[in-house]
Amino acid sequence: MRSRPERSLAALDEVVTVGRASLAEMRRLLGLSRGDAPQDALLAPQPGVAALPTLIDRVREAGVAVTLHVDGDPNPLPAGVDLSAYRIVQEALTNTLKHAGTGARATVHLAFEPEEFAIEVADDGTGPTNNDGAAGTGLRSIAERAAALDGTVDLGNGADGGFVVRVRLPLGQQ
C-alpha cells in the first residue's frame, strides 16, 4: 500500500466488486431455493465466458498484466458451465490480485473441447502459496462449483513458481 497506493486501491476495489457480486449471487440463489426471490432476480442475466474480456480488463486496470488464450471454437456452453466458468476465472484472478504480489502476471487459458471445457489460470506471483493444503474460501468456491458440475480441479504451485488453477467441466447434460 505504501509503495504503490494507486495499484493497491485498484486491487482492493476489484476484490470488493467480486465480493459484492458473489454475495448478490448467493442471495439470489438462496431466494430461489426458498421461493421468495423477487421476479427480477429470476430474470437477471448472469455473466458467462463472453464477459471474461471485460473482467480481464478490470483486473488489468487493478495492476495485474493478464493474457487471455482461447483454443477451439467458442461454441455456446450450457448455462451452468458458462456461469461457473466465469465465476471460476473471476475467483482465480481475485486470488492473484490478493496473493500474487507486486508485478505479478497472469494467464487465462480457455479450451473449448468436444466433451469438456477446460480452464487454466496461472500466475507468476511471489505471494503466499498453498503449500499446507488448506484451501481458502476462494479455492473452496472453485472446487464446489466444479464438483456441482461433475468437473475436476487441480490447484497448486506452478512449475516455475506462482500458483495454477486448472478446472475441467464436462459438457454433458447440465
N, C-alpha and C. Protein backbone atom coordinates (compact mmCIF):
# COMPACT_ATOMS: atom_id res chain seq x y z
N MET A 1 0.82 -1.20 0.00
CA MET A 1 0.00 0.00 0.00
C MET A 1 0.86 1.26 0.00
N ARG A 2 1.98 1.23 0.71
CA ARG A 2 2.78 2.44 0.80
C ARG A 2 3.53 2.74 -0.48
N SER A 3 4.07 1.71 -1.12
CA SER A 3 4.90 1.95 -2.30
C SER A 3 4.08 2.19 -3.56
N ARG A 4 2.91 1.61 -3.67
CA ARG A 4 2.08 1.78 -4.87
C ARG A 4 0.61 1.90 -4.46
N PRO A 5 0.26 2.99 -3.82
CA PRO A 5 -1.11 3.12 -3.30
C PRO A 5 -2.18 3.06 -4.38
N GLU A 6 -1.93 3.63 -5.58
CA GLU A 6 -2.95 3.61 -6.62
C GLU A 6 -3.23 2.19 -7.10
N ARG A 7 -2.18 1.38 -7.20
CA ARG A 7 -2.36 -0.02 -7.61
C ARG A 7 -3.07 -0.80 -6.51
N SER A 8 -2.68 -0.55 -5.28
CA SER A 8 -3.31 -1.25 -4.16
C SER A 8 -4.78 -0.92 -4.06
N LEU A 9 -5.12 0.34 -4.25
CA LEU A 9 -6.53 0.74 -4.19
C LEU A 9 -7.33 0.10 -5.32
N ALA A 10 -6.75 0.04 -6.51
CA ALA A 10 -7.44 -0.60 -7.64
C ALA A 10 -7.66 -2.08 -7.35
N ALA A 11 -6.66 -2.74 -6.79
CA ALA A 11 -6.80 -4.17 -6.45
C ALA A 11 -7.88 -4.36 -5.40
N LEU A 12 -7.89 -3.52 -4.38
CA LEU A 12 -8.91 -3.62 -3.34
C LEU A 12 -10.30 -3.36 -3.90
N ASP A 13 -10.42 -2.39 -4.81
CA ASP A 13 -11.71 -2.13 -5.45
C ASP A 13 -12.22 -3.35 -6.18
N GLU A 14 -11.32 -4.05 -6.89
CA GLU A 14 -11.73 -5.25 -7.62
C GLU A 14 -12.14 -6.36 -6.65
N VAL A 15 -11.42 -6.51 -5.56
CA VAL A 15 -11.78 -7.53 -4.56
C VAL A 15 -13.17 -7.22 -4.00
N VAL A 16 -13.44 -5.96 -3.71
CA VAL A 16 -14.75 -5.56 -3.19
C VAL A 16 -15.84 -5.84 -4.23
N THR A 17 -15.57 -5.51 -5.49
CA THR A 17 -16.54 -5.74 -6.56
C THR A 17 -16.87 -7.22 -6.68
N VAL A 18 -15.85 -8.07 -6.66
CA VAL A 18 -16.07 -9.52 -6.75
C VAL A 18 -16.86 -10.01 -5.53
N GLY A 19 -16.51 -9.52 -4.37
CA GLY A 19 -17.22 -9.91 -3.16
C GLY A 19 -18.69 -9.53 -3.21
N ARG A 20 -18.97 -8.33 -3.66
CA ARG A 20 -20.37 -7.90 -3.76
C ARG A 20 -21.14 -8.72 -4.78
N ALA A 21 -20.51 -9.00 -5.92
CA ALA A 21 -21.17 -9.82 -6.95
C ALA A 21 -21.44 -11.22 -6.42
N SER A 22 -20.49 -11.76 -5.69
CA SER A 22 -20.68 -13.11 -5.13
C SER A 22 -21.81 -13.13 -4.10
N LEU A 23 -21.86 -12.11 -3.25
CA LEU A 23 -22.94 -12.03 -2.27
C LEU A 23 -24.30 -11.86 -2.94
N ALA A 24 -24.34 -11.04 -3.99
CA ALA A 24 -25.61 -10.85 -4.70
C ALA A 24 -26.07 -12.16 -5.33
N GLU A 25 -25.13 -12.90 -5.91
CA GLU A 25 -25.48 -14.19 -6.49
C GLU A 25 -25.96 -15.16 -5.41
N MET A 26 -25.28 -15.17 -4.28
CA MET A 26 -25.67 -16.06 -3.19
C MET A 26 -27.07 -15.71 -2.69
N ARG A 27 -27.37 -14.42 -2.53
CA ARG A 27 -28.71 -14.01 -2.10
C ARG A 27 -29.77 -14.46 -3.10
N ARG A 28 -29.44 -14.30 -4.39
CA ARG A 28 -30.37 -14.70 -5.45
C ARG A 28 -30.63 -16.20 -5.37
N LEU A 29 -29.56 -16.99 -5.24
CA LEU A 29 -29.71 -18.44 -5.17
C LEU A 29 -30.49 -18.87 -3.93
N LEU A 30 -30.21 -18.24 -2.79
CA LEU A 30 -30.97 -18.57 -1.57
C LEU A 30 -32.44 -18.20 -1.72
N GLY A 31 -32.69 -17.06 -2.34
CA GLY A 31 -34.07 -16.65 -2.58
C GLY A 31 -34.80 -17.61 -3.50
N LEU A 32 -34.10 -18.10 -4.52
CA LEU A 32 -34.71 -19.07 -5.43
C LEU A 32 -35.03 -20.36 -4.70
N SER A 33 -34.10 -20.81 -3.84
CA SER A 33 -34.32 -22.08 -3.14
C SER A 33 -35.44 -21.97 -2.12
N ARG A 34 -35.64 -20.78 -1.56
CA ARG A 34 -36.72 -20.58 -0.58
C ARG A 34 -38.03 -20.19 -1.25
N GLY A 35 -37.95 -19.83 -2.52
CA GLY A 35 -39.16 -19.43 -3.24
C GLY A 35 -39.57 -18.00 -3.00
N ASP A 36 -38.69 -17.19 -2.39
CA ASP A 36 -39.08 -15.81 -2.11
C ASP A 36 -38.21 -14.80 -2.87
N ALA A 37 -37.62 -15.24 -3.97
CA ALA A 37 -36.80 -14.33 -4.76
C ALA A 37 -37.69 -13.39 -5.55
N PRO A 38 -37.32 -12.12 -5.64
CA PRO A 38 -38.10 -11.20 -6.46
C PRO A 38 -38.02 -11.62 -7.94
N GLN A 39 -39.04 -11.28 -8.70
CA GLN A 39 -39.11 -11.69 -10.10
C GLN A 39 -37.90 -11.22 -10.89
N ASP A 40 -37.38 -10.03 -10.61
CA ASP A 40 -36.22 -9.55 -11.37
C ASP A 40 -34.97 -10.38 -11.10
N ALA A 41 -34.89 -11.03 -9.94
CA ALA A 41 -33.75 -11.92 -9.67
C ALA A 41 -33.80 -13.14 -10.57
N LEU A 42 -35.01 -13.57 -10.91
CA LEU A 42 -35.15 -14.72 -11.79
C LEU A 42 -34.77 -14.38 -13.22
N LEU A 43 -34.95 -13.13 -13.60
CA LEU A 43 -34.72 -12.72 -14.97
C LEU A 43 -33.37 -12.04 -15.20
N ALA A 44 -32.67 -11.72 -14.14
CA ALA A 44 -31.40 -11.01 -14.28
C ALA A 44 -30.39 -11.85 -15.06
N PRO A 45 -29.78 -11.26 -16.08
CA PRO A 45 -28.78 -12.02 -16.84
C PRO A 45 -27.55 -12.28 -15.98
N GLN A 46 -26.99 -13.47 -16.14
CA GLN A 46 -25.79 -13.84 -15.40
C GLN A 46 -24.60 -13.79 -16.36
N PRO A 47 -23.43 -13.44 -15.86
CA PRO A 47 -22.27 -13.38 -16.75
C PRO A 47 -21.84 -14.78 -17.17
N GLY A 48 -21.16 -14.82 -18.29
CA GLY A 48 -20.62 -16.08 -18.79
C GLY A 48 -19.26 -15.84 -19.42
N VAL A 49 -18.80 -16.81 -20.15
CA VAL A 49 -17.47 -16.76 -20.76
C VAL A 49 -17.34 -15.53 -21.67
N ALA A 50 -18.41 -15.14 -22.34
CA ALA A 50 -18.36 -13.97 -23.23
C ALA A 50 -18.02 -12.69 -22.47
N ALA A 51 -18.27 -12.65 -21.16
CA ALA A 51 -17.97 -11.46 -20.36
C ALA A 51 -16.56 -11.47 -19.78
N LEU A 52 -15.79 -12.52 -20.03
CA LEU A 52 -14.44 -12.59 -19.46
C LEU A 52 -13.50 -11.49 -19.95
N PRO A 53 -13.55 -11.07 -21.22
CA PRO A 53 -12.65 -9.97 -21.61
C PRO A 53 -12.85 -8.70 -20.78
N THR A 54 -14.10 -8.40 -20.42
CA THR A 54 -14.37 -7.23 -19.58
C THR A 54 -13.79 -7.44 -18.18
N LEU A 55 -13.98 -8.63 -17.63
CA LEU A 55 -13.40 -8.94 -16.32
C LEU A 55 -11.88 -8.82 -16.36
N ILE A 56 -11.27 -9.36 -17.39
CA ILE A 56 -9.82 -9.31 -17.52
C ILE A 56 -9.34 -7.88 -17.64
N ASP A 57 -10.07 -7.04 -18.37
CA ASP A 57 -9.71 -5.62 -18.46
C ASP A 57 -9.74 -4.96 -17.08
N ARG A 58 -10.73 -5.30 -16.26
CA ARG A 58 -10.81 -4.73 -14.91
C ARG A 58 -9.63 -5.17 -14.06
N VAL A 59 -9.22 -6.42 -14.20
CA VAL A 59 -8.06 -6.91 -13.44
C VAL A 59 -6.80 -6.21 -13.92
N ARG A 60 -6.68 -5.99 -15.21
CA ARG A 60 -5.52 -5.24 -15.74
C ARG A 60 -5.49 -3.83 -15.15
N GLU A 61 -6.65 -3.18 -15.10
CA GLU A 61 -6.73 -1.84 -14.53
C GLU A 61 -6.32 -1.84 -13.06
N ALA A 62 -6.54 -2.97 -12.38
CA ALA A 62 -6.17 -3.10 -10.96
C ALA A 62 -4.68 -3.38 -10.80
N GLY A 63 -3.95 -3.57 -11.91
CA GLY A 63 -2.50 -3.67 -11.83
C GLY A 63 -1.88 -5.01 -12.15
N VAL A 64 -2.66 -5.99 -12.59
CA VAL A 64 -2.09 -7.29 -12.95
C VAL A 64 -2.15 -7.44 -14.46
N ALA A 65 -1.02 -7.71 -15.08
CA ALA A 65 -0.98 -7.98 -16.51
C ALA A 65 -1.58 -9.36 -16.74
N VAL A 66 -2.66 -9.41 -17.52
CA VAL A 66 -3.35 -10.68 -17.77
C VAL A 66 -3.40 -10.92 -19.28
N THR A 67 -3.06 -12.14 -19.66
CA THR A 67 -3.14 -12.57 -21.05
C THR A 67 -4.24 -13.62 -21.17
N LEU A 68 -5.04 -13.53 -22.22
CA LEU A 68 -6.11 -14.50 -22.46
C LEU A 68 -5.80 -15.29 -23.71
N HIS A 69 -5.85 -16.63 -23.59
CA HIS A 69 -5.68 -17.54 -24.73
C HIS A 69 -6.94 -18.39 -24.84
N VAL A 70 -7.45 -18.55 -26.06
CA VAL A 70 -8.63 -19.38 -26.28
C VAL A 70 -8.30 -20.40 -27.36
N ASP A 71 -8.49 -21.67 -27.05
CA ASP A 71 -8.31 -22.75 -28.01
C ASP A 71 -9.67 -23.33 -28.37
N GLY A 72 -9.82 -23.70 -29.62
CA GLY A 72 -11.07 -24.30 -30.08
C GLY A 72 -12.08 -23.26 -30.48
N ASP A 73 -13.21 -23.75 -30.98
CA ASP A 73 -14.30 -22.86 -31.40
C ASP A 73 -15.13 -22.49 -30.19
N PRO A 74 -15.28 -21.20 -29.92
CA PRO A 74 -16.08 -20.77 -28.76
C PRO A 74 -17.57 -21.04 -28.97
N ASN A 75 -17.93 -22.30 -28.88
CA ASN A 75 -19.33 -22.69 -29.00
C ASN A 75 -20.08 -22.30 -27.74
N PRO A 76 -21.40 -22.10 -27.88
CA PRO A 76 -22.19 -21.81 -26.67
C PRO A 76 -22.06 -22.96 -25.66
N LEU A 77 -21.93 -22.59 -24.42
CA LEU A 77 -21.81 -23.56 -23.33
C LEU A 77 -23.15 -23.71 -22.63
N PRO A 78 -23.39 -24.87 -22.00
CA PRO A 78 -24.58 -24.98 -21.16
C PRO A 78 -24.55 -23.87 -20.10
N ALA A 79 -25.71 -23.38 -19.72
CA ALA A 79 -25.81 -22.23 -18.81
C ALA A 79 -25.02 -22.42 -17.52
N GLY A 80 -25.10 -23.59 -16.91
CA GLY A 80 -24.39 -23.84 -15.66
C GLY A 80 -22.88 -23.79 -15.84
N VAL A 81 -22.40 -24.34 -16.93
CA VAL A 81 -20.96 -24.33 -17.23
C VAL A 81 -20.52 -22.90 -17.53
N ASP A 82 -21.33 -22.18 -18.30
CA ASP A 82 -20.99 -20.81 -18.70
C ASP A 82 -20.82 -19.90 -17.47
N LEU A 83 -21.81 -19.90 -16.58
CA LEU A 83 -21.74 -19.08 -15.37
C LEU A 83 -20.60 -19.55 -14.46
N SER A 84 -20.49 -20.85 -14.26
CA SER A 84 -19.44 -21.37 -13.37
C SER A 84 -18.06 -21.06 -13.91
N ALA A 85 -17.87 -21.17 -15.22
CA ALA A 85 -16.57 -20.85 -15.81
C ALA A 85 -16.20 -19.39 -15.54
N TYR A 86 -17.15 -18.49 -15.72
CA TYR A 86 -16.91 -17.08 -15.44
C TYR A 86 -16.51 -16.89 -13.97
N ARG A 87 -17.28 -17.46 -13.06
CA ARG A 87 -17.02 -17.29 -11.63
C ARG A 87 -15.69 -17.92 -11.22
N ILE A 88 -15.32 -19.04 -11.82
CA ILE A 88 -14.05 -19.69 -11.51
C ILE A 88 -12.88 -18.80 -11.93
N VAL A 89 -12.95 -18.26 -13.14
CA VAL A 89 -11.89 -17.35 -13.59
C VAL A 89 -11.87 -16.11 -12.71
N GLN A 90 -13.03 -15.57 -12.38
CA GLN A 90 -13.12 -14.39 -11.53
C GLN A 90 -12.45 -14.65 -10.18
N GLU A 91 -12.75 -15.78 -9.58
CA GLU A 91 -12.18 -16.09 -8.27
C GLU A 91 -10.67 -16.31 -8.37
N ALA A 92 -10.23 -17.01 -9.40
CA ALA A 92 -8.80 -17.26 -9.57
C ALA A 92 -8.03 -15.95 -9.77
N LEU A 93 -8.58 -15.04 -10.57
CA LEU A 93 -7.91 -13.75 -10.77
C LEU A 93 -7.97 -12.89 -9.51
N THR A 94 -9.04 -12.99 -8.75
CA THR A 94 -9.11 -12.27 -7.48
C THR A 94 -8.03 -12.78 -6.54
N ASN A 95 -7.81 -14.09 -6.51
CA ASN A 95 -6.72 -14.64 -5.70
C ASN A 95 -5.37 -14.12 -6.16
N THR A 96 -5.19 -13.98 -7.46
CA THR A 96 -3.95 -13.40 -7.98
C THR A 96 -3.79 -11.97 -7.47
N LEU A 97 -4.85 -11.19 -7.55
CA LEU A 97 -4.81 -9.81 -7.06
C LEU A 97 -4.44 -9.76 -5.57
N LYS A 98 -5.02 -10.67 -4.80
CA LYS A 98 -4.84 -10.65 -3.36
C LYS A 98 -3.50 -11.23 -2.90
N HIS A 99 -3.00 -12.25 -3.61
CA HIS A 99 -1.89 -13.02 -3.06
C HIS A 99 -0.61 -13.06 -3.90
N ALA A 100 -0.65 -12.73 -5.18
CA ALA A 100 0.50 -12.96 -6.05
C ALA A 100 1.63 -11.97 -5.83
N GLY A 101 1.32 -10.81 -5.32
CA GLY A 101 2.37 -9.84 -5.06
C GLY A 101 2.55 -8.83 -6.19
N THR A 102 3.34 -7.83 -5.92
CA THR A 102 3.57 -6.73 -6.85
C THR A 102 4.24 -7.23 -8.12
N GLY A 103 3.74 -6.74 -9.26
CA GLY A 103 4.34 -7.08 -10.55
C GLY A 103 3.95 -8.44 -11.10
N ALA A 104 3.03 -9.12 -10.45
CA ALA A 104 2.62 -10.44 -10.91
C ALA A 104 1.92 -10.34 -12.26
N ARG A 105 2.07 -11.39 -13.04
CA ARG A 105 1.37 -11.53 -14.31
C ARG A 105 0.53 -12.80 -14.23
N ALA A 106 -0.56 -12.80 -15.00
CA ALA A 106 -1.43 -13.98 -15.02
C ALA A 106 -1.79 -14.33 -16.45
N THR A 107 -2.08 -15.60 -16.64
CA THR A 107 -2.54 -16.09 -17.94
C THR A 107 -3.83 -16.87 -17.72
N VAL A 108 -4.82 -16.57 -18.54
CA VAL A 108 -6.08 -17.31 -18.53
C VAL A 108 -6.12 -18.09 -19.84
N HIS A 109 -6.23 -19.40 -19.72
CA HIS A 109 -6.28 -20.26 -20.91
C HIS A 109 -7.62 -21.00 -20.88
N LEU A 110 -8.40 -20.82 -21.93
CA LEU A 110 -9.69 -21.49 -22.07
C LEU A 110 -9.61 -22.44 -23.25
N ALA A 111 -10.13 -23.64 -23.10
CA ALA A 111 -10.12 -24.62 -24.20
C ALA A 111 -11.52 -25.20 -24.39
N PHE A 112 -12.08 -24.92 -25.55
CA PHE A 112 -13.37 -25.48 -25.94
C PHE A 112 -13.08 -26.83 -26.59
N GLU A 113 -13.41 -27.89 -25.90
CA GLU A 113 -13.17 -29.24 -26.38
C GLU A 113 -14.52 -29.91 -26.61
N PRO A 114 -14.55 -31.00 -27.40
CA PRO A 114 -15.85 -31.62 -27.71
C PRO A 114 -16.64 -32.09 -26.49
N GLU A 115 -15.96 -32.62 -25.49
CA GLU A 115 -16.65 -33.20 -24.34
C GLU A 115 -16.56 -32.38 -23.06
N GLU A 116 -15.67 -31.39 -23.06
CA GLU A 116 -15.50 -30.60 -21.84
C GLU A 116 -14.94 -29.22 -22.15
N PHE A 117 -15.04 -28.37 -21.15
CA PHE A 117 -14.50 -27.01 -21.22
C PHE A 117 -13.38 -26.94 -20.18
N ALA A 118 -12.19 -26.56 -20.63
CA ALA A 118 -11.04 -26.53 -19.73
C ALA A 118 -10.63 -25.09 -19.45
N ILE A 119 -10.29 -24.85 -18.20
CA ILE A 119 -9.87 -23.52 -17.73
C ILE A 119 -8.53 -23.69 -17.02
N GLU A 120 -7.60 -22.81 -17.33
CA GLU A 120 -6.37 -22.73 -16.54
C GLU A 120 -6.07 -21.27 -16.29
N VAL A 121 -5.90 -20.93 -15.03
CA VAL A 121 -5.49 -19.59 -14.64
C VAL A 121 -4.20 -19.75 -13.86
N ALA A 122 -3.13 -19.18 -14.40
CA ALA A 122 -1.81 -19.31 -13.78
C ALA A 122 -1.22 -17.92 -13.56
N ASP A 123 -0.54 -17.77 -12.43
CA ASP A 123 0.18 -16.52 -12.20
C ASP A 123 1.64 -16.84 -11.89
N ASP A 124 2.48 -15.81 -12.00
CA ASP A 124 3.90 -15.98 -11.69
C ASP A 124 4.26 -15.28 -10.39
N GLY A 125 3.26 -15.13 -9.55
CA GLY A 125 3.42 -14.35 -8.33
C GLY A 125 4.39 -14.94 -7.33
N THR A 126 4.75 -14.09 -6.40
CA THR A 126 5.66 -14.48 -5.34
C THR A 126 4.98 -14.42 -3.98
N GLY A 127 3.68 -14.25 -4.00
CA GLY A 127 2.93 -14.16 -2.75
C GLY A 127 2.78 -15.51 -2.09
N PRO A 128 1.97 -15.56 -1.04
CA PRO A 128 1.77 -16.82 -0.31
C PRO A 128 1.26 -17.90 -1.23
N THR A 129 1.73 -19.11 -1.03
CA THR A 129 1.26 -20.24 -1.80
C THR A 129 0.43 -21.13 -0.90
N ASN A 130 -0.09 -22.17 -1.45
CA ASN A 130 -1.00 -23.06 -0.74
C ASN A 130 -0.27 -24.35 -0.36
N ASN A 131 0.94 -24.25 0.16
CA ASN A 131 1.75 -25.43 0.45
C ASN A 131 1.18 -26.30 1.56
N ASP A 132 0.41 -25.74 2.46
CA ASP A 132 -0.08 -26.53 3.59
C ASP A 132 -1.34 -27.33 3.26
N GLY A 133 -1.85 -27.19 2.05
CA GLY A 133 -3.02 -27.96 1.64
C GLY A 133 -4.34 -27.37 2.08
N ALA A 134 -4.32 -26.31 2.86
CA ALA A 134 -5.56 -25.70 3.33
C ALA A 134 -6.09 -24.76 2.26
N ALA A 135 -7.29 -25.02 1.79
CA ALA A 135 -7.89 -24.18 0.76
C ALA A 135 -8.59 -23.00 1.41
N GLY A 136 -8.37 -21.82 0.85
CA GLY A 136 -9.09 -20.65 1.31
C GLY A 136 -10.51 -20.67 0.76
N THR A 137 -11.28 -19.67 1.12
CA THR A 137 -12.67 -19.60 0.69
C THR A 137 -12.78 -19.57 -0.83
N GLY A 138 -11.93 -18.80 -1.49
CA GLY A 138 -11.97 -18.71 -2.94
C GLY A 138 -11.67 -20.04 -3.61
N LEU A 139 -10.65 -20.72 -3.13
CA LEU A 139 -10.30 -22.02 -3.71
C LEU A 139 -11.38 -23.05 -3.42
N ARG A 140 -11.97 -22.97 -2.26
CA ARG A 140 -13.07 -23.87 -1.90
C ARG A 140 -14.27 -23.62 -2.83
N SER A 141 -14.54 -22.35 -3.11
CA SER A 141 -15.63 -21.99 -4.01
C SER A 141 -15.40 -22.56 -5.41
N ILE A 142 -14.17 -22.48 -5.88
CA ILE A 142 -13.85 -23.04 -7.20
C ILE A 142 -14.11 -24.54 -7.20
N ALA A 143 -13.63 -25.21 -6.16
CA ALA A 143 -13.81 -26.67 -6.08
C ALA A 143 -15.29 -27.04 -6.01
N GLU A 144 -16.08 -26.28 -5.25
CA GLU A 144 -17.50 -26.58 -5.12
C GLU A 144 -18.24 -26.37 -6.44
N ARG A 145 -17.90 -25.31 -7.16
CA ARG A 145 -18.54 -25.06 -8.46
C ARG A 145 -18.24 -26.20 -9.43
N ALA A 146 -16.98 -26.61 -9.47
CA ALA A 146 -16.60 -27.70 -10.37
C ALA A 146 -17.29 -28.99 -9.98
N ALA A 147 -17.31 -29.29 -8.69
CA ALA A 147 -17.94 -30.53 -8.21
C ALA A 147 -19.43 -30.56 -8.55
N ALA A 148 -20.10 -29.42 -8.46
CA ALA A 148 -21.53 -29.36 -8.76
C ALA A 148 -21.81 -29.74 -10.21
N LEU A 149 -20.80 -29.59 -11.07
CA LEU A 149 -20.97 -29.92 -12.49
C LEU A 149 -20.22 -31.20 -12.87
N ASP A 150 -19.82 -31.98 -11.85
CA ASP A 150 -19.05 -33.21 -12.07
C ASP A 150 -17.71 -32.93 -12.74
N GLY A 151 -17.16 -31.76 -12.47
CA GLY A 151 -15.86 -31.39 -13.03
C GLY A 151 -14.72 -31.76 -12.11
N THR A 152 -13.52 -31.47 -12.57
CA THR A 152 -12.32 -31.74 -11.78
C THR A 152 -11.53 -30.46 -11.58
N VAL A 153 -10.78 -30.42 -10.49
CA VAL A 153 -9.98 -29.26 -10.14
C VAL A 153 -8.59 -29.72 -9.74
N ASP A 154 -7.59 -28.99 -10.21
CA ASP A 154 -6.21 -29.22 -9.81
C ASP A 154 -5.65 -27.85 -9.41
N LEU A 155 -5.27 -27.71 -8.15
CA LEU A 155 -4.76 -26.45 -7.62
C LEU A 155 -3.35 -26.67 -7.09
N GLY A 156 -2.49 -25.70 -7.29
CA GLY A 156 -1.17 -25.83 -6.69
C GLY A 156 -0.16 -24.87 -7.25
N ASN A 157 1.04 -25.02 -6.74
CA ASN A 157 2.14 -24.18 -7.18
C ASN A 157 2.49 -24.52 -8.62
N GLY A 158 2.83 -23.48 -9.39
CA GLY A 158 3.24 -23.68 -10.77
C GLY A 158 4.65 -24.25 -10.84
N ALA A 159 4.99 -24.86 -11.95
CA ALA A 159 6.31 -25.46 -12.14
C ALA A 159 7.42 -24.42 -12.01
N ASP A 160 7.14 -23.19 -12.43
CA ASP A 160 8.14 -22.12 -12.37
C ASP A 160 7.79 -21.08 -11.32
N GLY A 161 7.05 -21.48 -10.31
CA GLY A 161 6.62 -20.55 -9.27
C GLY A 161 5.18 -20.11 -9.53
N GLY A 162 4.70 -19.24 -8.68
CA GLY A 162 3.33 -18.78 -8.81
C GLY A 162 2.33 -19.85 -8.42
N PHE A 163 1.10 -19.65 -8.86
CA PHE A 163 0.02 -20.56 -8.50
C PHE A 163 -0.81 -20.86 -9.74
N VAL A 164 -1.33 -22.08 -9.84
CA VAL A 164 -2.11 -22.51 -11.00
C VAL A 164 -3.43 -23.12 -10.55
N VAL A 165 -4.49 -22.73 -11.23
CA VAL A 165 -5.82 -23.31 -11.05
C VAL A 165 -6.20 -23.95 -12.37
N ARG A 166 -6.45 -25.26 -12.36
CA ARG A 166 -6.89 -25.98 -13.56
C ARG A 166 -8.23 -26.63 -13.26
N VAL A 167 -9.20 -26.37 -14.14
CA VAL A 167 -10.55 -26.90 -13.97
C VAL A 167 -11.01 -27.47 -15.30
N ARG A 168 -11.65 -28.62 -15.23
CA ARG A 168 -12.23 -29.25 -16.41
C ARG A 168 -13.71 -29.50 -16.10
N LEU A 169 -14.59 -28.94 -16.95
CA LEU A 169 -16.02 -29.05 -16.75
C LEU A 169 -16.63 -29.83 -17.91
N PRO A 170 -17.29 -30.97 -17.62
CA PRO A 170 -17.89 -31.75 -18.70
C PRO A 170 -19.05 -30.97 -19.34
N LEU A 171 -19.25 -31.22 -20.63
CA LEU A 171 -20.30 -30.51 -21.37
C LEU A 171 -21.53 -31.38 -21.58
N GLY A 172 -21.65 -32.46 -20.85
CA GLY A 172 -22.83 -33.32 -20.95
C GLY A 172 -24.06 -32.60 -20.45
N GLN A 173 -25.08 -33.34 -20.15
CA GLN A 173 -26.34 -32.77 -19.65
C GLN A 173 -26.10 -31.94 -18.40
N GLN A 174 -26.55 -30.72 -18.40
CA GLN A 174 -26.40 -29.84 -17.24
C GLN A 174 -27.77 -29.46 -16.74
